[in-house]
Amino acid sequence: MSSLAAAMWDEWSALPIESERAASFEIAGVLSCAPVRERDGAALVGGSRLFVVRRLSRLWRASRIDSGNQLNFHVPASDGRVSVSVPPDLREELGGYPVNWDWLRGAWGVTGSLYVPKAGYCAAMRIRRTAPRVAAFLDMSAIRYGSRPARSGDATEILIRDQQDIVTFLNGMGLASSALMLEDRAVIRVARAQANRARNCDTANIGKSVEAAQAQTDLAERLRDAGLLPSLPAKLRELAALRLERPSATLSELGRLLSPPVTKGTVNYRWKSIKNWAQRQGQPAPS
C-alpha cells in the first residue's frame, strides 16, 4: 500500500478540471508560488516536481490563458528541474488573482508537503512571496496554523498540525480521498494507542497481583512457622490457610473459595487485618 503522501500527490495530479475559471486560478497559484528566475526577458517558473508540470500543461489547455499564450518548457539535461517560460506581463496579471481554494491547490502543488510521523500530523507549505495572502485565507477558512521563517531565510513556512484542520484543508482543495485516508489512519492510530494502553495496564496489574500474592504467602508462611496460625480469628485463619494452598490465586479467586464466598474488597480488608494482627504479635508483614 502506497504511503499517504504518495496517494495524495497521485490524487492531486489526476484531479478533474472543473472549469476554465478554476484552471486559471490554479495556474495562478502555481506560478505565484513556484521558484522563479529571469532569462531573456521572461520569467522561468519551475522546480523539480515533474507531476506539477504535467498538471500545469493540462490546466493551461483548459484555461482562458491558452488562447493567447504558449507554454514553453525548458528541461535541462543536468539537474532534472523543469521550467516554464512565462511572459512578465502575464505573470504580473496572474499575480493579481486572489487566493481561493483553486489558487491554493496550485500553490500546494509546488510548495506543499504532507508528513505523517510516528506521532502527530503536519501539512507544510514553504512560500516566498505570498505567505501573508495564504495566511489570511486560512484565517478566513477557520483553519488553525503556525508560521515560521524557513531555514533559507527567504521564505515562510506555514504549518497545519491538527488532524481535523488538515482534513478540512485537503477537502477544501478537493482532495477528498486523501482526507478520508488521513481520517482512517487517525482512527487506526487511536485504536492502537488504546490497545497499547490497555495492554500496559493489564501487564502492570498482573505484576501488582503477583507481588501482592507473594507477600501474602510469605506472611502466611511466617505465621505458620511461628505456630501462630491457630491463634488467628477463624475467618482470618481460613483465608491465610487458603493462601498457603493457592499461592498464585487472585483476591477474587480466594473470595470465591471461602465459605461463605466474599468479595475481592472483603478479602483485601481481611488481609489488612491479618497484617495488623501479625504486627501486634511481633511478626511484621513483608513490605
C-alpha atoms as a PDB file:
ATOM      1  CA  MET A   1       0.000   0.000   0.000  1.00  0.00           C
ATOM      2  CA  SER A   2       1.392   3.363  -1.032  1.00  0.00           C
ATOM      3  CA  SER A   3       2.066   5.981   1.610  1.00  0.00           C
ATOM      4  CA  LEU A   4      -0.497   8.650   2.372  1.00  0.00           C
ATOM      5  CA  ALA A   5       1.703  11.386   0.888  1.00  0.00           C
ATOM      6  CA  ALA A   6       2.229   9.444  -2.355  1.00  0.00           C
ATOM      7  CA  ALA A   7      -1.512   8.719  -2.643  1.00  0.00           C
ATOM      8  CA  MET A   8      -2.259  12.389  -2.009  1.00  0.00           C
ATOM      9  CA  TRP A   9       0.038  13.521  -4.844  1.00  0.00           C
ATOM     10  CA  ASP A  10      -1.478  10.937  -7.170  1.00  0.00           C
ATOM     11  CA  GLU A  11      -4.907  12.352  -6.393  1.00  0.00           C
ATOM     12  CA  TRP A  12      -3.680  15.948  -6.799  1.00  0.00           C
ATOM     13  CA  SER A  13      -2.196  15.202 -10.233  1.00  0.00           C
ATOM     14  CA  ALA A  14      -5.348  13.484 -11.502  1.00  0.00           C
ATOM     15  CA  LEU A  15      -7.988  15.870 -10.147  1.00  0.00           C
ATOM     16  CA  PRO A  16     -10.572  16.803 -12.784  1.00  0.00           C
ATOM     17  CA  ILE A  17     -10.534  20.397 -14.027  1.00  0.00           C
ATOM     18  CA  GLU A  18     -13.973  21.794 -13.291  1.00  0.00           C
ATOM     19  CA  SER A  19     -13.953  24.985 -15.376  1.00  0.00           C
ATOM     20  CA  GLU A  20     -11.834  27.500 -17.244  1.00  0.00           C
ATOM     21  CA  ARG A  21     -12.011  29.806 -14.250  1.00  0.00           C
ATOM     22  CA  ALA A  22     -10.862  27.100 -11.833  1.00  0.00           C
ATOM     23  CA  ALA A  23      -7.983  26.221 -14.181  1.00  0.00           C
ATOM     24  CA  SER A  24      -6.899  29.863 -14.397  1.00  0.00           C
ATOM     25  CA  PHE A  25      -6.884  30.285 -10.615  1.00  0.00           C
ATOM     26  CA  GLU A  26      -4.937  27.074 -10.104  1.00  0.00           C
ATOM     27  CA  ILE A  27      -2.367  28.185 -12.678  1.00  0.00           C
ATOM     28  CA  ALA A  28      -2.100  31.488 -10.829  1.00  0.00           C
ATOM     29  CA  GLY A  29      -1.392  29.593  -7.618  1.00  0.00           C
ATOM     30  CA  VAL A  30       1.325  27.511  -9.289  1.00  0.00           C
ATOM     31  CA  LEU A  31       3.059  30.428 -10.973  1.00  0.00           C
ATOM     32  CA  SER A  32       2.773  32.723  -7.945  1.00  0.00           C
ATOM     33  CA  CYS A  33       4.490  30.265  -5.603  1.00  0.00           C
ATOM     34  CA  ALA A  34       6.932  28.312  -7.769  1.00  0.00           C
ATOM     35  CA  PRO A  35      10.640  29.261  -7.781  1.00  0.00           C
ATOM     36  CA  VAL A  36      11.341  31.954 -10.386  1.00  0.00           C
ATOM     37  CA  ARG A  37      14.474  33.034 -12.265  1.00  0.00           C
ATOM     38  CA  GLU A  38      14.829  35.532 -15.100  1.00  0.00           C
ATOM     39  CA  ARG A  39      16.059  34.534 -18.568  1.00  0.00           C
ATOM     40  CA  ASP A  40      15.965  36.526 -21.835  1.00  0.00           C
ATOM     41  CA  GLY A  41      13.278  38.901 -20.575  1.00  0.00           C
ATOM     42  CA  ALA A  42      10.972  36.094 -19.435  1.00  0.00           C
ATOM     43  CA  ALA A  43      10.357  34.508 -16.090  1.00  0.00           C
ATOM     44  CA  LEU A  44      11.332  30.854 -15.798  1.00  0.00           C
ATOM     45  CA  VAL A  45       8.989  29.295 -13.279  1.00  0.00           C
ATOM     46  CA  GLY A  46       9.563  25.704 -12.228  1.00  0.00           C
ATOM     47  CA  GLY A  47      11.123  23.181  -9.929  1.00  0.00           C
ATOM     48  CA  SER A  48      11.855  19.505  -9.508  1.00  0.00           C
ATOM     49  CA  ARG A  49       8.270  18.247  -9.214  1.00  0.00           C
ATOM     50  CA  LEU A  50       7.571  16.880 -12.665  1.00  0.00           C
ATOM     51  CA  PHE A  51       3.993  15.966 -11.782  1.00  0.00           C
ATOM     52  CA  VAL A  52       3.308  19.695 -11.298  1.00  0.00           C
ATOM     53  CA  VAL A  53       4.475  20.390 -14.836  1.00  0.00           C
ATOM     54  CA  ARG A  54       2.218  17.644 -16.218  1.00  0.00           C
ATOM     55  CA  ARG A  55      -0.791  19.081 -14.414  1.00  0.00           C
ATOM     56  CA  LEU A  56       0.160  22.613 -15.428  1.00  0.00           C
ATOM     57  CA  SER A  57       0.087  21.511 -19.062  1.00  0.00           C
ATOM     58  CA  ARG A  58      -3.452  20.144 -18.607  1.00  0.00           C
ATOM     59  CA  LEU A  59      -4.563  23.278 -16.793  1.00  0.00           C
ATOM     60  CA  TRP A  60      -3.118  25.506 -19.496  1.00  0.00           C
ATOM     61  CA  ARG A  61      -5.130  23.799 -22.215  1.00  0.00           C
ATOM     62  CA  ALA A  62      -8.328  24.089 -20.174  1.00  0.00           C
ATOM     63  CA  SER A  63      -7.874  27.734 -19.142  1.00  0.00           C
ATOM     64  CA  ARG A  64      -8.579  31.056 -20.790  1.00  0.00           C
ATOM     65  CA  ILE A  65      -4.872  31.747 -20.782  1.00  0.00           C
ATOM     66  CA  ASP A  66      -4.093  29.195 -23.501  1.00  0.00           C
ATOM     67  CA  SER A  67      -5.650  31.199 -26.354  1.00  0.00           C
ATOM     68  CA  GLY A  68      -3.099  33.984 -26.304  1.00  0.00           C
ATOM     69  CA  ASN A  69      -0.032  32.437 -24.734  1.00  0.00           C
ATOM     70  CA  GLN A  70       2.024  29.367 -25.496  1.00  0.00           C
ATOM     71  CA  LEU A  71       3.518  27.291 -22.702  1.00  0.00           C
ATOM     72  CA  ASN A  72       7.239  26.772 -23.339  1.00  0.00           C
ATOM     73  CA  PHE A  73       9.009  24.114 -21.288  1.00  0.00           C
ATOM     74  CA  HIS A  74      12.725  24.071 -20.519  1.00  0.00           C
ATOM     75  CA  VAL A  75      14.128  20.705 -19.436  1.00  0.00           C
ATOM     76  CA  PRO A  76      17.887  20.859 -18.694  1.00  0.00           C
ATOM     77  CA  ALA A  77      19.626  17.527 -19.036  1.00  0.00           C
ATOM     78  CA  SER A  78      21.763  18.039 -15.949  1.00  0.00           C
ATOM     79  CA  ASP A  79      19.668  18.721 -12.862  1.00  0.00           C
ATOM     80  CA  GLY A  80      16.234  17.305 -13.692  1.00  0.00           C
ATOM     81  CA  ARG A  81      14.459  20.604 -12.985  1.00  0.00           C
ATOM     82  CA  VAL A  82      11.696  21.637 -15.352  1.00  0.00           C
ATOM     83  CA  SER A  83      10.932  25.301 -16.018  1.00  0.00           C
ATOM     84  CA  VAL A  84       8.120  27.078 -17.836  1.00  0.00           C
ATOM     85  CA  SER A  85       8.744  30.368 -19.658  1.00  0.00           C
ATOM     86  CA  VAL A  86       6.114  32.949 -18.674  1.00  0.00           C
ATOM     87  CA  PRO A  87       5.957  36.485 -20.172  1.00  0.00           C
ATOM     88  CA  PRO A  88       6.411  39.109 -17.434  1.00  0.00           C
ATOM     89  CA  ASP A  89       3.091  40.812 -18.175  1.00  0.00           C
ATOM     90  CA  LEU A  90       1.206  37.510 -17.919  1.00  0.00           C
ATOM     91  CA  ARG A  91       2.924  36.640 -14.656  1.00  0.00           C
ATOM     92  CA  GLU A  92       2.034  40.067 -13.297  1.00  0.00           C
ATOM     93  CA  GLU A  93      -1.588  39.558 -14.327  1.00  0.00           C
ATOM     94  CA  LEU A  94      -1.741  36.143 -12.697  1.00  0.00           C
ATOM     95  CA  GLY A  95      -0.090  37.550  -9.574  1.00  0.00           C
ATOM     96  CA  GLY A  96      -3.175  39.719  -9.034  1.00  0.00           C
ATOM     97  CA  TYR A  97      -5.529  36.760  -8.718  1.00  0.00           C
ATOM     98  CA  PRO A  98      -6.997  36.495  -5.188  1.00  0.00           C
ATOM     99  CA  VAL A  99      -6.392  33.392  -3.121  1.00  0.00           C
ATOM    100  CA  ASN A 100      -9.229  30.852  -3.226  1.00  0.00           C
ATOM    101  CA  TRP A 101      -9.312  27.066  -2.956  1.00  0.00           C
ATOM    102  CA  ASP A 102      -8.391  26.618  -6.643  1.00  0.00           C
ATOM    103  CA  TRP A 103      -5.467  29.008  -6.255  1.00  0.00           C
ATOM    104  CA  LEU A 104      -4.384  27.271  -3.060  1.00  0.00           C
ATOM    105  CA  ARG A 105      -4.500  23.869  -4.781  1.00  0.00           C
ATOM    106  CA  GLY A 106      -1.960  25.127  -7.299  1.00  0.00           C
ATOM    107  CA  ALA A 107       0.213  26.652  -4.572  1.00  0.00           C
ATOM    108  CA  TRP A 108       0.086  23.370  -2.630  1.00  0.00           C
ATOM    109  CA  GLY A 109       1.386  21.526  -5.686  1.00  0.00           C
ATOM    110  CA  VAL A 110       4.644  23.485  -5.794  1.00  0.00           C
ATOM    111  CA  THR A 111       5.186  24.261  -2.089  1.00  0.00           C
ATOM    112  CA  GLY A 112       3.294  21.688  -0.032  1.00  0.00           C
ATOM    113  CA  SER A 113       4.345  18.584   1.871  1.00  0.00           C
ATOM    114  CA  LEU A 114       2.297  16.171   3.971  1.00  0.00           C
ATOM    115  CA  TYR A 115       4.069  14.413   6.827  1.00  0.00           C
ATOM    116  CA  VAL A 116       2.745  11.547   8.939  1.00  0.00           C
ATOM    117  CA  PRO A 117       5.443  10.831  11.578  1.00  0.00           C
ATOM    118  CA  LYS A 118       5.054   8.262  14.349  1.00  0.00           C
ATOM    119  CA  ALA A 119       3.130  10.810  16.380  1.00  0.00           C
ATOM    120  CA  GLY A 120       1.009  13.652  15.007  1.00  0.00           C
ATOM    121  CA  TYR A 121       0.482  15.038  11.522  1.00  0.00           C
ATOM    122  CA  CYS A 122       1.798  18.034   9.594  1.00  0.00           C
ATOM    123  CA  ALA A 123       0.811  19.780   6.376  1.00  0.00           C
ATOM    124  CA  ALA A 124       3.511  22.303   5.465  1.00  0.00           C
ATOM    125  CA  MET A 125       3.878  24.969   2.776  1.00  0.00           C
ATOM    126  CA  ARG A 126       7.096  26.883   2.133  1.00  0.00           C
ATOM    127  CA  ILE A 127       6.109  30.134   0.426  1.00  0.00           C
ATOM    128  CA  ARG A 128       8.318  33.018  -0.626  1.00  0.00           C
ATOM    129  CA  ARG A 129       6.152  35.900  -1.799  1.00  0.00           C
ATOM    130  CA  THR A 130       2.524  35.213  -0.999  1.00  0.00           C
ATOM    131  CA  ALA A 131       2.624  33.896   2.586  1.00  0.00           C
ATOM    132  CA  PRO A 132       0.531  36.792   4.029  1.00  0.00           C
ATOM    133  CA  ARG A 133      -2.215  36.167   1.475  1.00  0.00           C
ATOM    134  CA  VAL A 134      -2.244  32.429   2.206  1.00  0.00           C
ATOM    135  CA  ALA A 135      -2.322  33.090   5.951  1.00  0.00           C
ATOM    136  CA  ALA A 136      -5.245  35.494   5.539  1.00  0.00           C
ATOM    137  CA  PHE A 137      -7.184  32.893   3.539  1.00  0.00           C
ATOM    138  CA  LEU A 138      -6.566  30.202   6.180  1.00  0.00           C
ATOM    139  CA  ASP A 139      -7.746  32.633   8.860  1.00  0.00           C
ATOM    140  CA  MET A 140     -10.921  33.272   6.881  1.00  0.00           C
ATOM    141  CA  SER A 141     -11.423  29.485   6.495  1.00  0.00           C
ATOM    142  CA  ALA A 142     -11.005  28.946  10.278  1.00  0.00           C
ATOM    143  CA  ILE A 143      -8.024  26.632   9.736  1.00  0.00           C
ATOM    144  CA  ARG A 144      -5.502  26.809  12.570  1.00  0.00           C
ATOM    145  CA  TYR A 145      -1.866  27.062  11.537  1.00  0.00           C
ATOM    146  CA  GLY A 146       1.534  28.206  12.653  1.00  0.00           C
ATOM    147  CA  SER A 147       4.224  30.039  10.725  1.00  0.00           C
ATOM    148  CA  ARG A 148       7.971  30.469  10.997  1.00  0.00           C
ATOM    149  CA  PRO A 149      10.842  31.686   8.831  1.00  0.00           C
ATOM    150  CA  ALA A 150      12.293  28.951   6.673  1.00  0.00           C
ATOM    151  CA  ARG A 151      15.896  27.969   7.225  1.00  0.00           C
ATOM    152  CA  SER A 152      16.850  29.540   3.911  1.00  0.00           C
ATOM    153  CA  GLY A 153      15.681  32.888   5.291  1.00  0.00           C
ATOM    154  CA  ASP A 154      13.835  33.981   2.131  1.00  0.00           C
ATOM    155  CA  ALA A 155      10.584  32.061   2.690  1.00  0.00           C
ATOM    156  CA  THR A 156       7.921  31.430   5.295  1.00  0.00           C
ATOM    157  CA  GLU A 157       6.784  28.013   6.392  1.00  0.00           C
ATOM    158  CA  ILE A 158       3.072  27.664   7.095  1.00  0.00           C
ATOM    159  CA  LEU A 159       2.343  24.579   9.219  1.00  0.00           C
ATOM    160  CA  ILE A 160      -1.010  22.911   9.926  1.00  0.00           C
ATOM    161  CA  ARG A 161      -0.629  20.291  12.660  1.00  0.00           C
ATOM    162  CA  ASP A 162      -4.134  19.498  13.872  1.00  0.00           C
ATOM    163  CA  GLN A 163      -5.509  16.398  12.149  1.00  0.00           C
ATOM    164  CA  GLN A 164      -9.027  17.816  11.713  1.00  0.00           C
ATOM    165  CA  ASP A 165      -7.665  21.087  10.326  1.00  0.00           C
ATOM    166  CA  ILE A 166      -5.559  19.129   7.810  1.00  0.00           C
ATOM    167  CA  VAL A 167      -8.681  17.187   6.781  1.00  0.00           C
ATOM    168  CA  THR A 168     -10.548  20.484   6.261  1.00  0.00           C
ATOM    169  CA  PHE A 169      -7.581  21.843   4.297  1.00  0.00           C
ATOM    170  CA  LEU A 170      -7.406  18.803   1.995  1.00  0.00           C
ATOM    171  CA  ASN A 171     -11.167  18.736   1.462  1.00  0.00           C
ATOM    172  CA  GLY A 172     -11.132  22.428   0.600  1.00  0.00           C
ATOM    173  CA  MET A 173      -8.640  21.773  -2.204  1.00  0.00           C
ATOM    174  CA  GLY A 174     -10.776  18.899  -3.497  1.00  0.00           C
ATOM    175  CA  LEU A 175      -8.527  16.123  -2.166  1.00  0.00           C
ATOM    176  CA  ALA A 176     -11.410  14.199  -0.592  1.00  0.00           C
ATOM    177  CA  SER A 177      -9.858  10.740  -0.955  1.00  0.00           C
ATOM    178  CA  SER A 178      -6.675  11.879   0.781  1.00  0.00           C
ATOM    179  CA  ALA A 179      -8.695  13.485   3.572  1.00  0.00           C
ATOM    180  CA  LEU A 180     -10.646  10.256   4.067  1.00  0.00           C
ATOM    181  CA  MET A 181      -7.425   8.223   4.078  1.00  0.00           C
ATOM    182  CA  LEU A 182      -5.984  10.541   6.739  1.00  0.00           C
ATOM    183  CA  GLU A 183      -9.086  10.117   8.893  1.00  0.00           C
ATOM    184  CA  ASP A 184      -8.858   6.330   8.537  1.00  0.00           C
ATOM    185  CA  ARG A 185      -5.200   6.481   9.556  1.00  0.00           C
ATOM    186  CA  ALA A 186      -6.139   8.578  12.592  1.00  0.00           C
ATOM    187  CA  VAL A 187      -8.822   6.074  13.675  1.00  0.00           C
ATOM    188  CA  ILE A 188      -6.323   3.201  13.406  1.00  0.00           C
ATOM    189  CA  ARG A 189      -3.770   5.183  15.433  1.00  0.00           C
ATOM    190  CA  VAL A 190      -6.272   5.868  18.206  1.00  0.00           C
ATOM    191  CA  ALA A 191      -7.319   2.208  18.308  1.00  0.00           C
ATOM    192  CA  ARG A 192      -3.706   1.056  18.514  1.00  0.00           C
ATOM    193  CA  ALA A 193      -2.894   3.585  21.219  1.00  0.00           C
ATOM    194  CA  GLN A 194      -5.879   2.456  23.284  1.00  0.00           C
ATOM    195  CA  ALA A 195      -4.913  -1.206  22.822  1.00  0.00           C
ATOM    196  CA  ASN A 196      -1.334  -0.445  23.911  1.00  0.00           C
ATOM    197  CA  ARG A 197      -2.531   1.435  26.981  1.00  0.00           C
ATOM    198  CA  ALA A 198      -4.882  -1.413  27.900  1.00  0.00           C
ATOM    199  CA  ARG A 199      -2.109  -3.977  27.432  1.00  0.00           C
ATOM    200  CA  ASN A 200       0.329  -1.951  29.519  1.00  0.00           C
ATOM    201  CA  CYS A 201      -2.301  -1.502  32.219  1.00  0.00           C
ATOM    202  CA  ASP A 202      -3.068  -5.236  32.241  1.00  0.00           C
ATOM    203  CA  THR A 203       0.634  -6.028  32.483  1.00  0.00           C
ATOM    204  CA  ALA A 204       1.057  -3.621  35.378  1.00  0.00           C
ATOM    205  CA  ASN A 205      -1.986  -5.029  37.163  1.00  0.00           C
ATOM    206  CA  ILE A 206      -0.741  -8.602  36.734  1.00  0.00           C
ATOM    207  CA  GLY A 207       2.623  -7.583  38.171  1.00  0.00           C
ATOM    208  CA  LYS A 208       0.975  -5.963  41.188  1.00  0.00           C
ATOM    209  CA  SER A 209      -1.232  -9.028  41.737  1.00  0.00           C
ATOM    210  CA  VAL A 210       1.772 -11.358  41.642  1.00  0.00           C
ATOM    211  CA  GLU A 211       3.702  -9.176  44.108  1.00  0.00           C
ATOM    212  CA  ALA A 212       0.726  -8.991  46.457  1.00  0.00           C
ATOM    213  CA  ALA A 213       0.139 -12.766  46.322  1.00  0.00           C
ATOM    214  CA  GLN A 214       3.811 -13.410  47.081  1.00  0.00           C
ATOM    215  CA  ALA A 215       3.781 -11.021  50.050  1.00  0.00           C
ATOM    216  CA  GLN A 216       0.620 -12.662  51.420  1.00  0.00           C
ATOM    217  CA  THR A 217       2.108 -16.139  51.012  1.00  0.00           C
ATOM    218  CA  ASP A 218       5.297 -15.049  52.787  1.00  0.00           C
ATOM    219  CA  LEU A 219       3.263 -13.654  55.683  1.00  0.00           C
ATOM    220  CA  ALA A 220       1.115 -16.794  55.965  1.00  0.00           C
ATOM    221  CA  GLU A 221       4.246 -18.990  55.963  1.00  0.00           C
ATOM    222  CA  ARG A 222       5.861 -16.912  58.730  1.00  0.00           C
ATOM    223  CA  LEU A 223       2.740 -17.184  60.879  1.00  0.00           C
ATOM    224  CA  ARG A 224       2.604 -20.953  60.253  1.00  0.00           C
ATOM    225  CA  ASP A 225       6.287 -21.449  61.046  1.00  0.00           C
ATOM    226  CA  ALA A 226       5.895 -19.391  64.245  1.00  0.00           C
ATOM    227  CA  GLY A 227       2.928 -21.535  65.288  1.00  0.00           C
ATOM    228  CA  LEU A 228       0.598 -18.521  65.273  1.00  0.00           C
ATOM    229  CA  LEU A 229      -1.951 -19.629  62.664  1.00  0.00           C
ATOM    230  CA  PRO A 230      -4.192 -21.417  65.222  1.00  0.00           C
ATOM    231  CA  SER A 231      -4.394 -18.190  67.235  1.00  0.00           C
ATOM    232  CA  LEU A 232      -5.829 -16.170  64.314  1.00  0.00           C
ATOM    233  CA  PRO A 233      -9.543 -15.375  64.366  1.00  0.00           C
ATOM    234  CA  ALA A 234     -11.446 -18.049  62.418  1.00  0.00           C
ATOM    235  CA  LYS A 235     -12.200 -16.013  59.286  1.00  0.00           C
ATOM    236  CA  LEU A 236      -8.624 -14.745  59.062  1.00  0.00           C
ATOM    237  CA  ARG A 237      -7.208 -18.222  59.744  1.00  0.00           C
ATOM    238  CA  GLU A 238      -9.318 -19.663  56.897  1.00  0.00           C
ATOM    239  CA  LEU A 239      -8.006 -17.007  54.487  1.00  0.00           C
ATOM    240  CA  ALA A 240      -4.337 -17.485  55.477  1.00  0.00           C
ATOM    241  CA  ALA A 241      -4.646 -21.268  55.104  1.00  0.00           C
ATOM    242  CA  LEU A 242      -6.282 -20.868  51.706  1.00  0.00           C
ATOM    243  CA  ARG A 243      -3.465 -18.599  50.562  1.00  0.00           C
ATOM    244  CA  LEU A 244      -0.951 -21.286  51.504  1.00  0.00           C
ATOM    245  CA  GLU A 245      -2.909 -23.756  49.377  1.00  0.00           C
ATOM    246  CA  ARG A 246      -3.334 -21.304  46.451  1.00  0.00           C
ATOM    247  CA  PRO A 247      -0.227 -19.077  46.365  1.00  0.00           C
ATOM    248  CA  SER A 248      -0.937 -17.762  42.845  1.00  0.00           C
ATOM    249  CA  ALA A 249      -4.686 -17.152  43.192  1.00  0.00           C
ATOM    250  CA  THR A 250      -6.079 -13.640  42.833  1.00  0.00           C
ATOM    251  CA  LEU A 251      -8.032 -11.954  45.612  1.00  0.00           C
ATOM    252  CA  SER A 252     -11.251 -12.514  43.664  1.00  0.00           C
ATOM    253  CA  GLU A 253     -10.478 -16.219  43.322  1.00  0.00           C
ATOM    254  CA  LEU A 254      -9.715 -16.511  47.032  1.00  0.00           C
ATOM    255  CA  GLY A 255     -13.009 -14.797  47.849  1.00  0.00           C
ATOM    256  CA  ARG A 256     -14.980 -17.283  45.767  1.00  0.00           C
ATOM    257  CA  LEU A 257     -13.267 -20.228  47.523  1.00  0.00           C
ATOM    258  CA  LEU A 258     -14.061 -19.036  51.053  1.00  0.00           C
ATOM    259  CA  SER A 259     -17.135 -20.295  52.885  1.00  0.00           C
ATOM    260  CA  PRO A 260     -19.297 -18.364  52.518  1.00  0.00           C
ATOM    261  CA  PRO A 261     -17.862 -16.622  49.400  1.00  0.00           C
ATOM    262  CA  VAL A 262     -16.920 -12.968  49.805  1.00  0.00           C
ATOM    263  CA  THR A 263     -15.967 -10.099  47.524  1.00  0.00           C
ATOM    264  CA  LYS A 264     -12.488  -9.050  46.500  1.00  0.00           C
ATOM    265  CA  GLY A 265     -12.828  -5.979  48.720  1.00  0.00           C
ATOM    266  CA  THR A 266     -13.634  -8.143  51.733  1.00  0.00           C
ATOM    267  CA  VAL A 267     -10.613 -10.379  51.058  1.00  0.00           C
ATOM    268  CA  ASN A 268      -8.391  -7.318  50.830  1.00  0.00           C
ATOM    269  CA  TYR A 269      -9.798  -5.978  54.125  1.00  0.00           C
ATOM    270  CA  ARG A 270      -9.164  -9.309  55.864  1.00  0.00           C
ATOM    271  CA  TRP A 271      -5.561  -9.373  54.647  1.00  0.00           C
ATOM    272  CA  LYS A 272      -5.045  -5.940  56.159  1.00  0.00           C
ATOM    273  CA  SER A 273      -6.463  -7.330  59.403  1.00  0.00           C
ATOM    274  CA  ILE A 274      -4.018 -10.264  59.229  1.00  0.00           C
ATOM    275  CA  LYS A 275      -1.110  -7.832  58.732  1.00  0.00           C
ATOM    276  CA  ASN A 276      -2.184  -5.742  61.724  1.00  0.00           C
ATOM    277  CA  TRP A 277      -2.640  -8.872  63.897  1.00  0.00           C
ATOM    278  CA  ALA A 278       0.812 -10.191  62.855  1.00  0.00           C
ATOM    279  CA  GLN A 279       2.441  -6.894  63.783  1.00  0.00           C
ATOM    280  CA  ARG A 280       0.858  -6.999  67.253  1.00  0.00           C
ATOM    281  CA  GLN A 281       2.349 -10.482  67.601  1.00  0.00           C
ATOM    282  CA  GLY A 282       5.814  -9.219  66.722  1.00  0.00           C
ATOM    283  CA  GLN A 283       5.635 -10.553  63.159  1.00  0.00           C
ATOM    284  CA  PRO A 284       5.914  -7.501  60.840  1.00  0.00           C
ATOM    285  CA  ALA A 285       4.394  -8.106  57.416  1.00  0.00           C
ATOM    286  CA  PRO A 286       6.652  -8.189  54.353  1.00  0.00           C
ATOM    287  CA  SER A 287       6.937  -4.816  52.604  1.00  0.00           C
END
